[in-house]
Amino acid sequence: MMEETVAAKTIGLPSSNATGKLGAHLDDLMSAVSSRVSFLQQAVVIRSAMLSSRDDLTSLDIAVQAIEHQLRAVKAYLKDEVDALPKAQALIKLSLQQDRRLKVISGVLSANLHGIEPKLHSSESIPQSSELEAINGHPFLKSVENGFQKDKKGRSPPPCLYVTNEELDSLSSYMRGRLTLEKVNKAVDEMATFAEVNAKLLTAPRKKLGNELLEKALELRDFAATECVKGKHFFFESDMKGSVLKMDNTGKAILTVLRHLGRIADVRAGRLRGFILLDP
């Protein structure tokens, strides 16, 4: 043994004791590396779990914020509704008062409206003397009374002659079609509005009109100078842009009915075609 040891030292090889110690150190190193790798793997798993939970918490936070925003909006809406209740109650009270006044006014003026019979079926609709005195100076009543009189310039308001049920029923089913009394009389109102706009445009100062309105005003004046049109209210086909009276099949059918019932007359002057509102 001594000889082997001496020989090993001579050629530079490690002894058996040194080899044993080196193996032990390598085992310790491998064990430490394995422990470190296991620790790092656990750290990676924990970090992934933390990132996933962070995303979940972020989504939850966003959802909670959205719900809080909706709750604030609901609270604001409820507050506005509560604040509006007194105004709504006051409006209802005023509406009832206005309805009462309109019933009284209707009882006074119904005889002046074409085709409308006075309807006094109950004592509530009959105007009492105190009620008549209360509304005698009412602005609405004054405006209606003034509507039956000529203005300072001598220009009367456009005639607004409503169609009665009897008149509509007297038409053939082919001419009447699907027209209702409400729709026809709505068209009568719109015709009066068209004619009133044209009448105001006729008397408007030229310097206050733009190029487009000036051209329309010149057409109106040329048409109004026609012998059969002088002094009458009228409107053009191009004016028919109402909710009921427009240049479609329904509007044309209404014009045919009103022409047959003597409410309007069709007049052509050059390239212009107009409709005159006829007086009773």
C-alpha atoms as a PDB file:
ATOM      1  CA  MET A   1       0.000   0.000   0.000  1.00  0.00           C
ATOM      2  CA  MET A   2       2.759   2.387   0.787  1.00  0.00           C
ATOM      3  CA  GLU A   3       4.267   1.600  -2.571  1.00  0.00           C
ATOM      4  CA  GLU A   4       1.014   2.365  -4.403  1.00  0.00           C
ATOM      5  CA  THR A   5       0.676   5.654  -2.606  1.00  0.00           C
ATOM      6  CA  VAL A   6       4.216   6.579  -3.382  1.00  0.00           C
ATOM      7  CA  ALA A   7       3.687   5.594  -7.026  1.00  0.00           C
ATOM      8  CA  ALA A   8       0.521   7.664  -7.268  1.00  0.00           C
ATOM      9  CA  LYS A   9       2.179  10.706  -5.872  1.00  0.00           C
ATOM     10  CA  THR A  10       5.059  10.132  -8.248  1.00  0.00           C
ATOM     11  CA  ILE A  11       2.845  10.198 -11.377  1.00  0.00           C
ATOM     12  CA  GLY A  12       0.485  12.971 -10.046  1.00  0.00           C
ATOM     13  CA  LEU A  13      -2.762  10.936  -9.557  1.00  0.00           C
ATOM     14  CA  PRO A  14      -5.146  11.623  -6.621  1.00  0.00           C
ATOM     15  CA  SER A  15      -5.210   9.172  -3.823  1.00  0.00           C
ATOM     16  CA  SER A  16      -8.289   7.107  -2.928  1.00  0.00           C
ATOM     17  CA  ASN A  17      -9.047   9.355   0.066  1.00  0.00           C
ATOM     18  CA  ALA A  18      -9.033  12.454  -2.143  1.00  0.00           C
ATOM     19  CA  THR A  19     -11.307  10.749  -4.667  1.00  0.00           C
ATOM     20  CA  GLY A  20     -13.842   9.947  -1.963  1.00  0.00           C
ATOM     21  CA  LYS A  21     -13.906  13.534  -0.740  1.00  0.00           C
ATOM     22  CA  LEU A  22     -14.347  14.851  -4.296  1.00  0.00           C
ATOM     23  CA  GLY A  23     -17.335  12.560  -4.902  1.00  0.00           C
ATOM     24  CA  ALA A  24     -18.948  13.733  -1.677  1.00  0.00           C
ATOM     25  CA  HIS A  25     -18.543  17.373  -2.731  1.00  0.00           C
ATOM     26  CA  LEU A  26     -20.100  16.616  -6.136  1.00  0.00           C
ATOM     27  CA  ASP A  27     -23.071  14.939  -4.484  1.00  0.00           C
ATOM     28  CA  ASP A  28     -23.556  17.953  -2.249  1.00  0.00           C
ATOM     29  CA  LEU A  29     -23.345  20.276  -5.256  1.00  0.00           C
ATOM     30  CA  MET A  30     -25.899  18.254  -7.227  1.00  0.00           C
ATOM     31  CA  SER A  31     -28.243  18.218  -4.262  1.00  0.00           C
ATOM     32  CA  ALA A  32     -27.933  22.009  -3.886  1.00  0.00           C
ATOM     33  CA  VAL A  33     -28.567  22.530  -7.617  1.00  0.00           C
ATOM     34  CA  SER A  34     -31.629  20.262  -7.474  1.00  0.00           C
ATOM     35  CA  SER A  35     -32.981  22.161  -4.467  1.00  0.00           C
ATOM     36  CA  ARG A  36     -32.424  25.469  -6.275  1.00  0.00           C
ATOM     37  CA  VAL A  37     -34.175  24.218  -9.406  1.00  0.00           C
ATOM     38  CA  SER A  38     -37.132  22.992  -7.329  1.00  0.00           C
ATOM     39  CA  PHE A  39     -37.317  26.363  -5.571  1.00  0.00           C
ATOM     40  CA  LEU A  40     -37.275  28.214  -8.867  1.00  0.00           C
ATOM     41  CA  GLN A  41     -40.030  25.998 -10.256  1.00  0.00           C
ATOM     42  CA  GLN A  42     -42.191  26.712  -7.217  1.00  0.00           C
ATOM     43  CA  ALA A  43     -41.503  30.442  -7.609  1.00  0.00           C
ATOM     44  CA  VAL A  44     -42.589  30.325 -11.265  1.00  0.00           C
ATOM     45  CA  VAL A  45     -45.846  28.556 -10.303  1.00  0.00           C
ATOM     46  CA  ILE A  46     -46.563  31.096  -7.548  1.00  0.00           C
ATOM     47  CA  ARG A  47     -45.813  34.036  -9.880  1.00  0.00           C
ATOM     48  CA  SER A  48     -48.191  32.654 -12.555  1.00  0.00           C
ATOM     49  CA  ALA A  49     -50.941  32.246  -9.959  1.00  0.00           C
ATOM     50  CA  MET A  50     -50.396  35.816  -8.747  1.00  0.00           C
ATOM     51  CA  LEU A  51     -50.606  37.206 -12.303  1.00  0.00           C
ATOM     52  CA  SER A  52     -53.841  35.293 -12.949  1.00  0.00           C
ATOM     53  CA  SER A  53     -55.420  36.507  -9.700  1.00  0.00           C
ATOM     54  CA  ARG A  54     -54.307  40.078 -10.504  1.00  0.00           C
ATOM     55  CA  ASP A  55     -56.191  39.937 -13.847  1.00  0.00           C
ATOM     56  CA  ASP A  56     -59.269  38.584 -12.086  1.00  0.00           C
ATOM     57  CA  LEU A  57     -59.113  41.339  -9.487  1.00  0.00           C
ATOM     58  CA  THR A  58     -58.729  43.974 -12.217  1.00  0.00           C
ATOM     59  CA  SER A  59     -61.819  42.674 -14.037  1.00  0.00           C
ATOM     60  CA  LEU A  60     -63.755  42.584 -10.776  1.00  0.00           C
ATOM     61  CA  ASP A  61     -62.721  46.160  -9.984  1.00  0.00           C
ATOM     62  CA  ILE A  62     -63.880  47.362 -13.411  1.00  0.00           C
ATOM     63  CA  ALA A  63     -67.258  45.630 -12.966  1.00  0.00           C
ATOM     64  CA  VAL A  64     -67.722  47.177  -9.517  1.00  0.00           C
ATOM     65  CA  GLN A  65     -66.906  50.632 -10.877  1.00  0.00           C
ATOM     66  CA  ALA A  66     -69.474  50.186 -13.678  1.00  0.00           C
ATOM     67  CA  ILE A  67     -72.148  49.180 -11.166  1.00  0.00           C
ATOM     68  CA  GLU A  68     -71.326  52.185  -8.977  1.00  0.00           C
ATOM     69  CA  HIS A  69     -71.624  54.475 -12.009  1.00  0.00           C
ATOM     70  CA  GLN A  70     -75.030  53.013 -12.839  1.00  0.00           C
ATOM     71  CA  LEU A  71     -76.175  53.470  -9.254  1.00  0.00           C
ATOM     72  CA  ARG A  72     -75.106  57.114  -9.312  1.00  0.00           C
ATOM     73  CA  ALA A  73     -77.019  57.610 -12.586  1.00  0.00           C
ATOM     74  CA  VAL A  74     -80.140  55.993 -11.101  1.00  0.00           C
ATOM     75  CA  LYS A  75     -79.904  58.184  -7.996  1.00  0.00           C
ATOM     76  CA  ALA A  76     -79.530  61.308 -10.145  1.00  0.00           C
ATOM     77  CA  TYR A  77     -82.525  60.276 -12.283  1.00  0.00           C
ATOM     78  CA  LEU A  78     -84.678  59.655  -9.206  1.00  0.00           C
ATOM     79  CA  LYS A  79     -83.656  63.016  -7.762  1.00  0.00           C
ATOM     80  CA  ASP A  80     -84.638  64.773 -11.004  1.00  0.00           C
ATOM     81  CA  GLU A  81     -87.986  62.990 -11.016  1.00  0.00           C
ATOM     82  CA  VAL A  82     -88.657  63.977  -7.415  1.00  0.00           C
ATOM     83  CA  ASP A  83     -87.712  67.582  -8.155  1.00  0.00           C
ATOM     84  CA  ALA A  84     -90.013  67.578 -11.209  1.00  0.00           C
ATOM     85  CA  LEU A  85     -93.077  66.354  -9.303  1.00  0.00           C
ATOM     86  CA  PRO A  86     -94.150  69.809  -8.051  1.00  0.00           C
ATOM     87  CA  LYS A  87     -93.767  71.215 -11.580  1.00  0.00           C
ATOM     88  CA  ALA A  88     -95.837  68.364 -13.016  1.00  0.00           C
ATOM     89  CA  GLN A  89     -98.565  68.919 -10.431  1.00  0.00           C
ATOM     90  CA  ALA A  90     -98.608  72.637 -11.209  1.00  0.00           C
ATOM     91  CA  LEU A  91     -98.773  71.870 -14.950  1.00  0.00           C
ATOM     92  CA  ILE A  92    -101.701  69.501 -14.429  1.00  0.00           C
ATOM     93  CA  LYS A  93    -103.517  72.185 -12.456  1.00  0.00           C
ATOM     94  CA  LEU A  94    -102.912  74.778 -15.184  1.00  0.00           C
ATOM     95  CA  SER A  95    -103.988  72.297 -17.857  1.00  0.00           C
ATOM     96  CA  LEU A  96    -107.275  71.692 -16.079  1.00  0.00           C
ATOM     97  CA  GLN A  97    -107.852  75.430 -15.832  1.00  0.00           C
ATOM     98  CA  GLN A  98    -107.053  75.858 -19.524  1.00  0.00           C
ATOM     99  CA  ASP A  99    -109.387  73.008 -20.426  1.00  0.00           C
ATOM    100  CA  ARG A 100    -112.172  74.734 -18.522  1.00  0.00           C
ATOM    101  CA  ARG A 101    -111.522  78.008 -20.345  1.00  0.00           C
ATOM    102  CA  LEU A 102    -111.442  76.282 -23.738  1.00  0.00           C
ATOM    103  CA  LYS A 103    -114.814  74.668 -23.040  1.00  0.00           C
ATOM    104  CA  VAL A 104    -116.274  78.067 -22.275  1.00  0.00           C
ATOM    105  CA  ILE A 105    -114.673  79.616 -25.364  1.00  0.00           C
ATOM    106  CA  SER A 106    -115.919  76.716 -27.496  1.00  0.00           C
ATOM    107  CA  GLY A 107    -119.434  77.355 -26.272  1.00  0.00           C
ATOM    108  CA  VAL A 108    -119.142  81.006 -27.283  1.00  0.00           C
ATOM    109  CA  LEU A 109    -117.460  80.617 -30.684  1.00  0.00           C
ATOM    110  CA  SER A 110    -118.716  77.321 -32.031  1.00  0.00           C
ATOM    111  CA  ALA A 111    -121.523  79.019 -33.977  1.00  0.00           C
ATOM    112  CA  ASN A 112    -118.939  81.013 -35.959  1.00  0.00           C
ATOM    113  CA  LEU A 113    -117.048  77.957 -37.195  1.00  0.00           C
ATOM    114  CA  HIS A 114    -118.155  76.350 -40.435  1.00  0.00           C
ATOM    115  CA  GLY A 115    -119.763  72.947 -40.102  1.00  0.00           C
ATOM    116  CA  ILE A 116    -119.562  72.761 -36.285  1.00  0.00           C
ATOM    117  CA  GLU A 117    -122.717  72.665 -34.208  1.00  0.00           C
ATOM    118  CA  PRO A 118    -122.715  74.002 -30.627  1.00  0.00           C
ATOM    119  CA  LYS A 119    -122.541  71.064 -28.230  1.00  0.00           C
ATOM    120  CA  LEU A 120    -124.090  71.944 -24.893  1.00  0.00           C
ATOM    121  CA  HIS A 121    -124.979  68.542 -23.504  1.00  0.00           C
ATOM    122  CA  SER A 122    -124.335  69.332 -19.850  1.00  0.00           C
ATOM    123  CA  SER A 123    -124.512  72.270 -17.503  1.00  0.00           C
ATOM    124  CA  GLU A 124    -120.733  72.146 -17.250  1.00  0.00           C
ATOM    125  CA  SER A 125    -120.399  73.205 -20.902  1.00  0.00           C
ATOM    126  CA  ILE A 126    -122.840  76.109 -20.636  1.00  0.00           C
ATOM    127  CA  PRO A 127    -120.940  79.362 -20.083  1.00  0.00           C
ATOM    128  CA  GLN A 128    -122.171  81.264 -17.069  1.00  0.00           C
ATOM    129  CA  SER A 129    -122.150  85.044 -16.907  1.00  0.00           C
ATOM    130  CA  SER A 130    -119.320  85.082 -14.374  1.00  0.00           C
ATOM    131  CA  GLU A 131    -117.240  82.814 -16.630  1.00  0.00           C
ATOM    132  CA  LEU A 132    -117.914  85.004 -19.649  1.00  0.00           C
ATOM    133  CA  GLU A 133    -116.757  88.051 -17.728  1.00  0.00           C
ATOM    134  CA  ALA A 134    -113.633  86.192 -16.604  1.00  0.00           C
ATOM    135  CA  ILE A 135    -112.610  85.285 -20.143  1.00  0.00           C
ATOM    136  CA  ASN A 136    -113.850  88.424 -21.868  1.00  0.00           C
ATOM    137  CA  GLY A 137    -110.350  89.880 -21.871  1.00  0.00           C
ATOM    138  CA  HIS A 138    -108.544  86.599 -22.423  1.00  0.00           C
ATOM    139  CA  PRO A 139    -105.786  86.926 -25.079  1.00  0.00           C
ATOM    140  CA  PHE A 140    -106.920  83.768 -26.862  1.00  0.00           C
ATOM    141  CA  LEU A 141    -110.477  85.048 -27.220  1.00  0.00           C
ATOM    142  CA  LYS A 142    -109.236  88.399 -28.483  1.00  0.00           C
ATOM    143  CA  SER A 143    -107.017  86.725 -31.065  1.00  0.00           C
ATOM    144  CA  VAL A 144    -109.926  84.613 -32.302  1.00  0.00           C
ATOM    145  CA  GLU A 145    -112.225  87.615 -32.514  1.00  0.00           C
ATOM    146  CA  ASN A 146    -109.576  89.547 -34.413  1.00  0.00           C
ATOM    147  CA  GLY A 147    -109.269  86.594 -36.772  1.00  0.00           C
ATOM    148  CA  PHE A 148    -112.785  87.259 -38.058  1.00  0.00           C
ATOM    149  CA  GLN A 149    -111.947  90.856 -38.851  1.00  0.00           C
ATOM    150  CA  LYS A 150    -109.624  92.408 -41.385  1.00  0.00           C
ATOM    151  CA  ASP A 151    -106.296  93.715 -40.190  1.00  0.00           C
ATOM    152  CA  LYS A 152    -105.085  97.284 -40.556  1.00  0.00           C
ATOM    153  CA  LYS A 153    -103.815  96.625 -44.073  1.00  0.00           C
ATOM    154  CA  GLY A 154    -107.241  95.398 -45.186  1.00  0.00           C
ATOM    155  CA  ARG A 155    -106.072  91.802 -45.586  1.00  0.00           C
ATOM    156  CA  SER A 156    -108.434  89.182 -44.157  1.00  0.00           C
ATOM    157  CA  PRO A 157    -107.169  85.892 -42.768  1.00  0.00           C
ATOM    158  CA  PRO A 158    -107.237  82.826 -45.029  1.00  0.00           C
ATOM    159  CA  PRO A 159    -110.591  81.015 -45.012  1.00  0.00           C
ATOM    160  CA  CYS A 160    -110.473  77.815 -42.984  1.00  0.00           C
ATOM    161  CA  LEU A 161    -113.680  75.981 -43.874  1.00  0.00           C
ATOM    162  CA  TYR A 162    -113.781  72.551 -42.289  1.00  0.00           C
ATOM    163  CA  VAL A 163    -115.480  69.600 -43.924  1.00  0.00           C
ATOM    164  CA  THR A 164    -118.454  68.048 -42.131  1.00  0.00           C
ATOM    165  CA  ASN A 165    -119.305  64.386 -41.750  1.00  0.00           C
ATOM    166  CA  GLU A 166    -122.313  64.855 -44.015  1.00  0.00           C
ATOM    167  CA  GLU A 167    -120.163  66.322 -46.770  1.00  0.00           C
ATOM    168  CA  LEU A 168    -117.607  63.544 -46.547  1.00  0.00           C
ATOM    169  CA  ASP A 169    -120.310  60.863 -46.499  1.00  0.00           C
ATOM    170  CA  SER A 170    -121.941  62.412 -49.566  1.00  0.00           C
ATOM    171  CA  LEU A 171    -118.864  61.610 -51.673  1.00  0.00           C
ATOM    172  CA  SER A 172    -118.592  58.406 -53.616  1.00  0.00           C
ATOM    173  CA  SER A 173    -116.552  55.665 -51.985  1.00  0.00           C
ATOM    174  CA  TYR A 174    -114.159  55.827 -54.938  1.00  0.00           C
ATOM    175  CA  MET A 175    -113.441  59.537 -54.334  1.00  0.00           C
ATOM    176  CA  ARG A 176    -113.379  59.266 -50.557  1.00  0.00           C
ATOM    177  CA  GLY A 177    -111.170  56.199 -50.478  1.00  0.00           C
ATOM    178  CA  ARG A 178    -109.534  55.781 -47.060  1.00  0.00           C
ATOM    179  CA  LEU A 179    -109.637  59.451 -46.157  1.00  0.00           C
ATOM    180  CA  THR A 180    -110.922  60.308 -42.699  1.00  0.00           C
ATOM    181  CA  LEU A 181    -112.602  63.498 -41.569  1.00  0.00           C
ATOM    182  CA  GLU A 182    -109.718  64.232 -39.209  1.00  0.00           C
ATOM    183  CA  LYS A 183    -107.144  63.911 -41.982  1.00  0.00           C
ATOM    184  CA  VAL A 184    -109.117  66.094 -44.412  1.00  0.00           C
ATOM    185  CA  ASN A 185    -109.648  68.871 -41.862  1.00  0.00           C
ATOM    186  CA  LYS A 186    -105.977  68.678 -40.887  1.00  0.00           C
ATOM    187  CA  ALA A 187    -105.220  69.374 -44.540  1.00  0.00           C
ATOM    188  CA  VAL A 188    -107.599  72.379 -44.406  1.00  0.00           C
ATOM    189  CA  ASP A 189    -105.574  73.776 -41.515  1.00  0.00           C
ATOM    190  CA  GLU A 190    -102.319  73.239 -43.405  1.00  0.00           C
ATOM    191  CA  MET A 191    -103.699  74.957 -46.523  1.00  0.00           C
ATOM    192  CA  ALA A 192    -104.580  78.006 -44.439  1.00  0.00           C
ATOM    193  CA  THR A 193    -101.069  77.998 -43.005  1.00  0.00           C
ATOM    194  CA  PHE A 194     -99.487  77.796 -46.477  1.00  0.00           C
ATOM    195  CA  ALA A 195    -101.659  80.666 -47.693  1.00  0.00           C
ATOM    196  CA  GLU A 196    -100.881  82.816 -44.641  1.00  0.00           C
ATOM    197  CA  VAL A 197     -97.127  82.357 -45.145  1.00  0.00           C
ATOM    198  CA  ASN A 198     -97.458  83.391 -48.784  1.00  0.00           C
ATOM    199  CA  ALA A 199     -99.559  86.419 -47.845  1.00  0.00           C
ATOM    200  CA  LYS A 200     -96.894  87.589 -45.408  1.00  0.00           C
ATOM    201  CA  LEU A 201     -94.194  87.031 -48.000  1.00  0.00           C
ATOM    202  CA  LEU A 202     -96.149  89.128 -50.515  1.00  0.00           C
ATOM    203  CA  THR A 203     -96.215  92.133 -48.190  1.00  0.00           C
ATOM    204  CA  ALA A 204     -92.674  91.730 -46.811  1.00  0.00           C
ATOM    205  CA  PRO A 205     -90.205  94.558 -47.638  1.00  0.00           C
ATOM    206  CA  ARG A 206     -88.007  93.559 -50.538  1.00  0.00           C
ATOM    207  CA  LYS A 207     -84.779  94.596 -48.819  1.00  0.00           C
ATOM    208  CA  LYS A 208     -85.431  92.139 -45.980  1.00  0.00           C
ATOM    209  CA  LEU A 209     -85.686  89.141 -48.290  1.00  0.00           C
ATOM    210  CA  GLY A 210     -82.762  86.934 -49.234  1.00  0.00           C
ATOM    211  CA  ASN A 211     -82.160  85.733 -52.765  1.00  0.00           C
ATOM    212  CA  GLU A 212     -84.201  82.567 -52.372  1.00  0.00           C
ATOM    213  CA  LEU A 213     -87.134  84.291 -50.671  1.00  0.00           C
ATOM    214  CA  LEU A 214     -86.985  87.165 -53.136  1.00  0.00           C
ATOM    215  CA  GLU A 215     -87.365  84.770 -56.047  1.00  0.00           C
ATOM    216  CA  LYS A 216     -90.341  83.139 -54.313  1.00  0.00           C
ATOM    217  CA  ALA A 217     -91.868  86.535 -53.563  1.00  0.00           C
ATOM    218  CA  LEU A 218     -91.595  87.581 -57.220  1.00  0.00           C
ATOM    219  CA  GLU A 219     -93.362  84.380 -58.284  1.00  0.00           C
ATOM    220  CA  LEU A 220     -96.090  85.049 -55.735  1.00  0.00           C
ATOM    221  CA  ARG A 221     -96.573  88.606 -56.991  1.00  0.00           C
ATOM    222  CA  ASP A 222     -96.786  87.473 -60.601  1.00  0.00           C
ATOM    223  CA  PHE A 223     -99.362  84.860 -59.678  1.00  0.00           C
ATOM    224  CA  ALA A 224    -101.305  87.238 -57.412  1.00  0.00           C
ATOM    225  CA  ALA A 225    -101.581  89.713 -60.304  1.00  0.00           C
ATOM    226  CA  THR A 226    -103.644  87.193 -62.286  1.00  0.00           C
ATOM    227  CA  GLU A 227    -107.201  88.436 -62.678  1.00  0.00           C
ATOM    228  CA  CYS A 228    -108.906  85.450 -61.064  1.00  0.00           C
ATOM    229  CA  VAL A 229    -106.446  85.416 -58.160  1.00  0.00           C
ATOM    230  CA  LYS A 230    -106.488  89.073 -57.102  1.00  0.00           C
ATOM    231  CA  GLY A 231    -107.422  89.563 -53.476  1.00  0.00           C
ATOM    232  CA  LYS A 232    -107.542  85.839 -52.700  1.00  0.00           C
ATOM    233  CA  HIS A 233    -105.389  83.568 -50.581  1.00  0.00           C
ATOM    234  CA  PHE A 234    -103.516  80.833 -52.397  1.00  0.00           C
ATOM    235  CA  PHE A 235    -100.633  78.399 -52.217  1.00  0.00           C
ATOM    236  CA  PHE A 236     -98.468  76.564 -54.748  1.00  0.00           C
ATOM    237  CA  GLU A 237     -97.830  72.878 -55.248  1.00  0.00           C
ATOM    238  CA  SER A 238     -94.291  73.473 -54.000  1.00  0.00           C
ATOM    239  CA  ASP A 239     -95.732  74.719 -50.682  1.00  0.00           C
ATOM    240  CA  MET A 240     -97.326  71.344 -49.959  1.00  0.00           C
ATOM    241  CA  LYS A 241     -94.867  70.066 -47.385  1.00  0.00           C
ATOM    242  CA  GLY A 242     -97.163  69.517 -44.427  1.00  0.00           C
ATOM    243  CA  SER A 243     -97.638  66.433 -42.293  1.00  0.00           C
ATOM    244  CA  VAL A 244    -100.794  65.491 -44.218  1.00  0.00           C
ATOM    245  CA  LEU A 245    -100.931  67.666 -47.308  1.00  0.00           C
ATOM    246  CA  LYS A 246     -97.986  66.815 -49.525  1.00  0.00           C
ATOM    247  CA  MET A 247     -97.502  65.846 -53.145  1.00  0.00           C
ATOM    248  CA  ASP A 248     -98.175  62.146 -52.683  1.00  0.00           C
ATOM    249  CA  ASN A 249    -101.212  59.995 -53.471  1.00  0.00           C
ATOM    250  CA  THR A 250    -102.963  60.945 -50.224  1.00  0.00           C
ATOM    251  CA  GLY A 251    -102.333  64.665 -50.776  1.00  0.00           C
ATOM    252  CA  LYS A 252    -103.657  64.480 -54.336  1.00  0.00           C
ATOM    253  CA  ALA A 253    -106.758  62.628 -53.145  1.00  0.00           C
ATOM    254  CA  ILE A 254    -107.394  65.301 -50.504  1.00  0.00           C
ATOM    255  CA  LEU A 255    -107.044  68.058 -53.122  1.00  0.00           C
ATOM    256  CA  THR A 256    -109.593  66.272 -55.326  1.00  0.00           C
ATOM    257  CA  VAL A 257    -112.063  66.034 -52.420  1.00  0.00           C
ATOM    258  CA  LEU A 258    -111.604  69.668 -51.376  1.00  0.00           C
ATOM    259  CA  ARG A 259    -111.937  70.848 -54.962  1.00  0.00           C
ATOM    260  CA  HIS A 260    -115.168  68.858 -55.320  1.00  0.00           C
ATOM    261  CA  LEU A 261    -116.540  70.296 -52.061  1.00  0.00           C
ATOM    262  CA  GLY A 262    -115.790  73.866 -53.151  1.00  0.00           C
ATOM    263  CA  ARG A 263    -113.006  74.593 -50.679  1.00  0.00           C
ATOM    264  CA  ILE A 264    -110.320  75.290 -53.302  1.00  0.00           C
ATOM    265  CA  ALA A 265    -110.003  76.105 -56.990  1.00  0.00           C
ATOM    266  CA  ASP A 266    -107.165  75.040 -59.250  1.00  0.00           C
ATOM    267  CA  VAL A 267    -105.545  77.931 -61.170  1.00  0.00           C
ATOM    268  CA  ARG A 268    -102.682  77.911 -63.668  1.00  0.00           C
ATOM    269  CA  ALA A 269    -100.725  81.016 -64.610  1.00  0.00           C
ATOM    270  CA  GLY A 270     -97.918  80.265 -67.018  1.00  0.00           C
ATOM    271  CA  ARG A 271     -95.723  77.575 -65.506  1.00  0.00           C
ATOM    272  CA  LEU A 272     -97.140  78.162 -62.052  1.00  0.00           C
ATOM    273  CA  ARG A 273     -99.964  76.079 -60.618  1.00  0.00           C
ATOM    274  CA  GLY A 274    -101.719  77.319 -57.527  1.00  0.00           C
ATOM    275  CA  PHE A 275    -104.758  76.591 -55.409  1.00  0.00           C
ATOM    276  CA  ILE A 276    -107.097  79.373 -54.331  1.00  0.00           C
ATOM    277  CA  LEU A 277    -108.854  79.122 -50.973  1.00  0.00           C
ATOM    278  CA  LEU A 278    -112.526  79.848 -51.631  1.00  0.00           C
ATOM    279  CA  ASP A 279    -114.719  81.876 -49.305  1.00  0.00           C
ATOM    280  CA  PRO A 280    -118.067  80.478 -48.134  1.00  0.00           C
END
